[in-house]
C-alpha atoms as a PDB file:
ATOM      1  CA  MET A   1    -145.753  34.540-114.130  1.00  0.00           C
ATOM      2  CA  THR A   2    -142.384  36.191-114.886  1.00  0.00           C
ATOM      3  CA  ALA A   3    -139.177  34.335-115.424  1.00  0.00           C
ATOM      4  CA  PRO A   4    -136.309  33.608-112.730  1.00  0.00           C
ATOM      5  CA  THR A   5    -133.471  36.084-113.167  1.00  0.00           C
ATOM      6  CA  ILE A   6    -130.148  35.301-112.964  1.00  0.00           C
ATOM      7  CA  SER A   7    -127.691  38.152-113.528  1.00  0.00           C
ATOM      8  CA  LEU A   8    -125.402  38.207-116.718  1.00  0.00           C
ATOM      9  CA  PRO A   9    -122.112  40.365-116.821  1.00  0.00           C
ATOM     10  CA  THR A  10    -122.948  43.697-118.471  1.00  0.00           C
ATOM     11  CA  THR A  11    -119.641  43.725-120.371  1.00  0.00           C
ATOM     12  CA  PHE A  12    -119.938  40.953-123.438  1.00  0.00           C
ATOM     13  CA  ASN A  13    -116.677  41.809-124.970  1.00  0.00           C
ATOM     14  CA  ILE A  14    -113.961  39.249-123.250  1.00  0.00           C
ATOM     15  CA  SER A  15    -111.265  39.943-125.770  1.00  0.00           C
ATOM     16  CA  HIS A  16    -110.388  42.940-124.086  1.00  0.00           C
ATOM     17  CA  THR A  17    -109.511  40.817-120.755  1.00  0.00           C
ATOM     18  CA  ILE A  18    -107.901  38.111-122.136  1.00  0.00           C
ATOM     19  CA  ASN A  19    -104.383  39.265-123.121  1.00  0.00           C
ATOM     20  CA  THR A  20    -103.106  36.492-125.435  1.00  0.00           C
ATOM     21  CA  LEU A  21    -105.269  34.246-127.224  1.00  0.00           C
ATOM     22  CA  MET A  22    -105.350  30.591-126.297  1.00  0.00           C
ATOM     23  CA  ASP A  23    -103.112  28.230-128.306  1.00  0.00           C
ATOM     24  CA  ARG A  24    -101.390  24.820-127.946  1.00  0.00           C
ATOM     25  CA  ASN A  25     -98.710  26.460-126.153  1.00  0.00           C
ATOM     26  CA  ASN A  26    -100.274  28.887-123.666  1.00  0.00           C
ATOM     27  CA  TYR A  27    -103.348  26.779-122.318  1.00  0.00           C
ATOM     28  CA  LEU A  28    -102.491  26.836-119.164  1.00  0.00           C
ATOM     29  CA  SER A  29    -102.088  30.407-118.997  1.00  0.00           C
ATOM     30  CA  TRP A  30    -105.155  31.101-120.980  1.00  0.00           C
ATOM     31  CA  ARG A  31    -107.387  28.711-118.597  1.00  0.00           C
ATOM     32  CA  SER A  32    -105.737  30.559-115.324  1.00  0.00           C
ATOM     33  CA  GLN A  33    -106.895  33.801-116.853  1.00  0.00           C
ATOM     34  CA  PHE A  34    -110.179  32.302-117.954  1.00  0.00           C
ATOM     35  CA  GLN A  35    -111.002  31.185-114.578  1.00  0.00           C
ATOM     36  CA  ASP A  36    -110.154  34.417-112.812  1.00  0.00           C
ATOM     37  CA  ILE A  37    -112.975  35.837-114.874  1.00  0.00           C
ATOM     38  CA  LEU A  38    -115.231  33.180-114.259  1.00  0.00           C
ATOM     39  CA  GLU A  39    -114.787  33.876-110.485  1.00  0.00           C
ATOM     40  CA  ILE A  40    -115.053  37.301-110.607  1.00  0.00           C
ATOM     41  CA  HIS A  41    -118.585  37.029-112.276  1.00  0.00           C
ATOM     42  CA  GLY A  42    -119.404  34.111-110.119  1.00  0.00           C
ATOM     43  CA  MET A  43    -119.967  31.642-113.264  1.00  0.00           C
ATOM     44  CA  GLU A  44    -117.232  28.709-112.470  1.00  0.00           C
ATOM     45  CA  ASP A  45    -119.967  26.393-112.150  1.00  0.00           C
ATOM     46  CA  VAL A  46    -121.093  27.020-115.914  1.00  0.00           C
ATOM     47  CA  VAL A  47    -117.754  24.660-116.734  1.00  0.00           C
ATOM     48  CA  THR A  48    -117.574  22.825-113.954  1.00  0.00           C
ATOM     49  CA  ILE A  49    -120.835  21.067-113.479  1.00  0.00           C
ATOM     50  CA  ASN A  50    -122.190  19.075-116.692  1.00  0.00           C
ATOM     51  CA  SER A  51    -125.653  20.491-116.300  1.00  0.00           C
ATOM     52  CA  LYS A  52    -126.737  20.621-120.026  1.00  0.00           C
ATOM     53  CA  PRO A  53    -129.348  23.143-119.599  1.00  0.00           C
ATOM     54  CA  LEU A  54    -132.740  23.540-121.686  1.00  0.00           C
ATOM     55  CA  LYS A  55    -133.310  26.556-123.909  1.00  0.00           C
ATOM     56  CA  LYS A  56    -136.563  27.621-122.775  1.00  0.00           C
ATOM     57  CA  HIS A  57    -138.633  26.520-119.395  1.00  0.00           C
ATOM     58  CA  ASN A  58    -142.304  24.972-120.007  1.00  0.00           C
ATOM     59  CA  ASP A  59    -143.534  28.585-119.651  1.00  0.00           C
ATOM     60  CA  GLY A  60    -141.775  29.740-122.925  1.00  0.00           C
ATOM     61  CA  PHE A  61    -139.150  32.016-121.048  1.00  0.00           C
ATOM     62  CA  VAL A  62    -135.564  31.440-121.820  1.00  0.00           C
ATOM     63  CA  ASN A  63    -133.775  29.614-119.393  1.00  0.00           C
ATOM     64  CA  PRO A  64    -130.935  32.149-117.907  1.00  0.00           C
ATOM     65  CA  HIS A  65    -128.503  28.869-117.211  1.00  0.00           C
ATOM     66  CA  TYR A  66    -129.099  28.534-121.091  1.00  0.00           C
ATOM     67  CA  SER A  67    -128.179  32.314-121.618  1.00  0.00           C
ATOM     68  CA  ARG A  68    -125.072  31.714-118.856  1.00  0.00           C
ATOM     69  CA  ASP A  69    -123.984  28.752-120.567  1.00  0.00           C
ATOM     70  CA  LYS A  70    -124.074  30.451-124.228  1.00  0.00           C
ATOM     71  CA  LEU A  71    -122.320  33.257-123.059  1.00  0.00           C
ATOM     72  CA  ILE A  72    -119.439  31.506-121.314  1.00  0.00           C
ATOM     73  CA  PHE A  73    -119.248  29.239-124.488  1.00  0.00           C
ATOM     74  CA  SER A  74    -119.295  32.463-126.676  1.00  0.00           C
ATOM     75  CA  TRP A  75    -116.065  34.062-124.613  1.00  0.00           C
ATOM     76  CA  ILE A  76    -114.152  30.428-125.049  1.00  0.00           C
ATOM     77  CA  LYS A  77    -114.618  30.886-128.870  1.00  0.00           C
ATOM     78  CA  ALA A  78    -113.923  34.706-128.916  1.00  0.00           C
ATOM     79  CA  THR A  79    -110.423  33.983-126.977  1.00  0.00           C
ATOM     80  CA  TYR A  80    -108.866  31.214-128.905  1.00  0.00           C
ATOM     81  CA  ILE A  81    -106.552  31.084-132.123  1.00  0.00           C
ATOM     82  CA  SER A  82    -108.386  29.444-135.247  1.00  0.00           C
ATOM     83  CA  SER A  83    -106.565  26.105-135.380  1.00  0.00           C
ATOM     84  CA  ILE A  84    -108.452  25.454-132.126  1.00  0.00           C
ATOM     85  CA  ARG A  85    -111.879  25.779-133.272  1.00  0.00           C
ATOM     86  CA  THR A  86    -111.521  22.486-135.323  1.00  0.00           C
ATOM     87  CA  ILE A  87    -111.257  20.314-132.047  1.00  0.00           C
ATOM     88  CA  LEU A  88    -114.464  22.182-130.699  1.00  0.00           C
ATOM     89  CA  ILE A  89    -116.751  21.579-133.469  1.00  0.00           C
ATOM     90  CA  PRO A  90    -118.617  18.716-131.701  1.00  0.00           C
ATOM     91  CA  CYS A  91    -119.075  20.672-128.533  1.00  0.00           C
ATOM     92  CA  THR A  92    -122.676  22.216-127.556  1.00  0.00           C
ATOM     93  CA  TYR A  93    -121.958  23.454-124.176  1.00  0.00           C
ATOM     94  CA  ALA A  94    -119.516  25.588-122.339  1.00  0.00           C
ATOM     95  CA  TYR A  95    -118.648  22.532-120.153  1.00  0.00           C
ATOM     96  CA  ASP A  96    -118.105  20.408-123.149  1.00  0.00           C
ATOM     97  CA  VAL A  97    -115.710  22.561-124.417  1.00  0.00           C
ATOM     98  CA  TRP A  98    -113.919  23.167-121.159  1.00  0.00           C
ATOM     99  CA  THR A  99    -113.388  19.545-120.534  1.00  0.00           C
ATOM    100  CA  LEU A 100    -112.408  18.707-124.123  1.00  0.00           C
ATOM    101  CA  LEU A 101    -109.558  21.512-123.971  1.00  0.00           C
ATOM    102  CA  GLU A 102    -108.306  20.160-120.850  1.00  0.00           C
ATOM    103  CA  ASN A 103    -108.159  16.826-122.046  1.00  0.00           C
ATOM    104  CA  ARG A 104    -106.785  17.678-125.206  1.00  0.00           C
ATOM    105  CA  LEU A 105    -104.397  20.716-124.344  1.00  0.00           C
ATOM    106  CA  SER A 106    -103.191  19.917-120.714  1.00  0.00           C
ATOM    107  CA  PRO A 107    -100.889  17.193-121.896  1.00  0.00           C
ATOM    108  CA  LEU A 108     -99.463  18.999-124.857  1.00  0.00           C
ATOM    109  CA  PHE A 109     -98.634  21.982-122.501  1.00  0.00           C
ATOM    110  CA  LYS A 110     -96.897  19.317-120.486  1.00  0.00           C
ATOM    111  CA  THR A 111     -94.958  18.450-123.323  1.00  0.00           C
ATOM    112  CA  HIS A 112     -93.975  22.208-123.874  1.00  0.00           C
ATOM    113  CA  ILE A 113     -93.035  22.504-120.133  1.00  0.00           C
ATOM    114  CA  ARG A 114     -90.495  19.397-120.498  1.00  0.00           C
ATOM    115  CA  THR A 115     -89.259  20.906-123.969  1.00  0.00           C
ATOM    116  CA  LEU A 116     -88.502  24.472-122.200  1.00  0.00           C
ATOM    117  CA  ARG A 117     -86.952  22.579-119.098  1.00  0.00           C
ATOM    118  CA  ASP A 118     -84.780  20.520-121.401  1.00  0.00           C
ATOM    119  CA  GLN A 119     -83.533  23.509-123.191  1.00  0.00           C
ATOM    120  CA  LEU A 120     -82.705  25.403-119.870  1.00  0.00           C
ATOM    121  CA  ARG A 121     -80.842  22.465-118.832  1.00  0.00           C
ATOM    122  CA  THR A 122     -78.574  21.736-122.036  1.00  0.00           C
ATOM    123  CA  LEU A 123     -77.999  25.576-122.942  1.00  0.00           C
ATOM    124  CA  LYS A 124     -74.473  26.563-124.069  1.00  0.00           C
ATOM    125  CA  LYS A 125     -73.138  30.114-124.329  1.00  0.00           C
ATOM    126  CA  ASP A 126     -72.063  30.169-127.835  1.00  0.00           C
ATOM    127  CA  SER A 127     -68.684  31.835-128.324  1.00  0.00           C
ATOM    128  CA  GLU A 128     -69.732  33.707-131.383  1.00  0.00           C
ATOM    129  CA  LYS A 129     -72.423  35.555-129.844  1.00  0.00           C
ATOM    130  CA  PRO A 130     -72.198  38.266-126.703  1.00  0.00           C
ATOM    131  CA  MET A 131     -72.907  36.910-123.186  1.00  0.00           C
ATOM    132  CA  SER A 132     -75.787  39.466-122.711  1.00  0.00           C
ATOM    133  CA  ASP A 133     -78.078  37.248-125.577  1.00  0.00           C
ATOM    134  CA  TYR A 134     -77.072  34.125-123.432  1.00  0.00           C
ATOM    135  CA  LEU A 135     -78.298  35.805-120.116  1.00  0.00           C
ATOM    136  CA  VAL A 136     -81.429  37.010-121.850  1.00  0.00           C
ATOM    137  CA  HIS A 137     -82.060  33.755-123.344  1.00  0.00           C
ATOM    138  CA  ALA A 138     -81.896  31.675-120.048  1.00  0.00           C
ATOM    139  CA  LYS A 139     -84.286  34.383-118.428  1.00  0.00           C
ATOM    140  CA  SER A 140     -86.461  34.064-121.099  1.00  0.00           C
ATOM    141  CA  LEU A 141     -86.834  30.152-120.519  1.00  0.00           C
ATOM    142  CA  ALA A 142     -87.207  30.515-117.098  1.00  0.00           C
ATOM    143  CA  ASP A 143     -89.714  33.631-117.168  1.00  0.00           C
ATOM    144  CA  SER A 144     -91.914  31.041-119.772  1.00  0.00           C
ATOM    145  CA  LEU A 145     -91.597  28.065-117.526  1.00  0.00           C
ATOM    146  CA  ASN A 146     -92.855  30.450-114.494  1.00  0.00           C
ATOM    147  CA  THR A 147     -95.762  31.676-116.566  1.00  0.00           C
ATOM    148  CA  ALA A 148     -96.575  28.111-117.639  1.00  0.00           C
ATOM    149  CA  GLY A 149     -96.639  27.551-113.796  1.00  0.00           C
ATOM    150  CA  SER A 150     -93.744  25.523-113.499  1.00  0.00           C
ATOM    151  CA  SER A 151     -91.509  27.579-111.439  1.00  0.00           C
ATOM    152  CA  ILE A 152     -88.064  27.405-111.629  1.00  0.00           C
ATOM    153  CA  SER A 153     -85.990  28.627-108.632  1.00  0.00           C
ATOM    154  CA  GLU A 154     -83.300  31.522-108.894  1.00  0.00           C
ATOM    155  CA  ASP A 155     -80.940  29.355-107.947  1.00  0.00           C
ATOM    156  CA  ASP A 156     -81.610  26.431-110.243  1.00  0.00           C
ATOM    157  CA  LEU A 157     -81.447  29.368-112.923  1.00  0.00           C
ATOM    158  CA  ILE A 158     -78.020  30.281-111.995  1.00  0.00           C
ATOM    159  CA  GLU A 159     -76.764  26.883-111.869  1.00  0.00           C
ATOM    160  CA  CYS A 160     -78.136  26.460-115.428  1.00  0.00           C
ATOM    161  CA  LEU A 161     -76.485  29.333-116.321  1.00  0.00           C
ATOM    162  CA  LEU A 162     -73.060  28.564-114.983  1.00  0.00           C
ATOM    163  CA  ASP A 163     -73.380  25.114-116.544  1.00  0.00           C
ATOM    164  CA  GLY A 164     -73.476  26.547-120.065  1.00  0.00           C
ATOM    165  CA  ILE A 165     -71.140  29.206-119.925  1.00  0.00           C
ATOM    166  CA  GLY A 166     -68.028  26.943-120.399  1.00  0.00           C
ATOM    167  CA  PRO A 167     -64.514  26.377-118.684  1.00  0.00           C
ATOM    168  CA  GLU A 168     -63.386  29.778-119.399  1.00  0.00           C
ATOM    169  CA  TYR A 169     -65.580  30.825-116.625  1.00  0.00           C
ATOM    170  CA  LYS A 170     -64.321  28.468-114.337  1.00  0.00           C
ATOM    171  CA  GLU A 171     -63.005  31.077-111.582  1.00  0.00           C
ATOM    172  CA  PHE A 172     -66.483  32.988-111.867  1.00  0.00           C
ATOM    173  CA  THR A 173     -67.919  29.720-111.389  1.00  0.00           C
ATOM    174  CA  THR A 174     -66.160  28.682-108.417  1.00  0.00           C
ATOM    175  CA  VAL A 175     -66.647  32.439-106.638  1.00  0.00           C
ATOM    176  CA  VAL A 176     -70.579  32.150-107.193  1.00  0.00           C
ATOM    177  CA  HIS A 177     -70.683  28.664-105.379  1.00  0.00           C
ATOM    178  CA  LEU A 178     -69.009  30.179-102.635  1.00  0.00           C
ATOM    179  CA  ARG A 179     -71.273  32.945-102.085  1.00  0.00           C
ATOM    180  CA  PRO A 180     -74.121  32.489 -99.622  1.00  0.00           C
ATOM    181  CA  SER A 181     -76.637  34.325-102.086  1.00  0.00           C
ATOM    182  CA  PHE A 182     -76.626  35.093-105.604  1.00  0.00           C
ATOM    183  CA  SER A 183     -79.257  36.525-107.373  1.00  0.00           C
ATOM    184  CA  TYR A 184     -79.652  36.109-111.528  1.00  0.00           C
ATOM    185  CA  ASP A 185     -79.325  40.329-111.415  1.00  0.00           C
ATOM    186  CA  ASP A 186     -76.145  39.658-109.826  1.00  0.00           C
ATOM    187  CA  CYS A 187     -74.965  36.936-112.120  1.00  0.00           C
ATOM    188  CA  TYR A 188     -75.885  39.048-114.880  1.00  0.00           C
ATOM    189  CA  ASP A 189     -74.205  42.262-113.917  1.00  0.00           C
ATOM    190  CA  LEU A 190     -70.759  40.438-113.192  1.00  0.00           C
ATOM    191  CA  LEU A 191     -70.956  38.436-116.501  1.00  0.00           C
ATOM    192  CA  ILE A 192     -71.867  41.393-118.461  1.00  0.00           C
END
């Protein structure tokens, strides 16, 4: 009797696919990348179904479901920073790791998103620094929000920019509000 076969990916090194190691601040971005990899390989069920496969079948052959689970578990381990390791010590299966990460890091990430939004809303141009620094910093905050899955519209970004440039740009702000459409690039070009 031969063991049932389940195909495993031929490439086991995942570190070249995930461009940033997962930490407490980029969990949702990491999860999105990881889910794409699981989907490509048809292995989403490993982290979504709590199956806890046995290592071997009664006939002594290694259980292919166990092999898939350990492969995904090793992929997760290979793509997080060392400080995350301690919260995953009690985990034995990929489902357990996935669930624990979701429960522990997703709420922290929501706090990170709130912090980014607050920084953008309260952004003020420092009169000692060039306008380009102010505009690049604002765009960086908006890009971080978009990467985190909490998009901010270009109109909202421009509103935050205008609110933070101060009264010396009152005429500019009035002109921008009178225009039907105005992009970040337009705003950047005119303010520089």
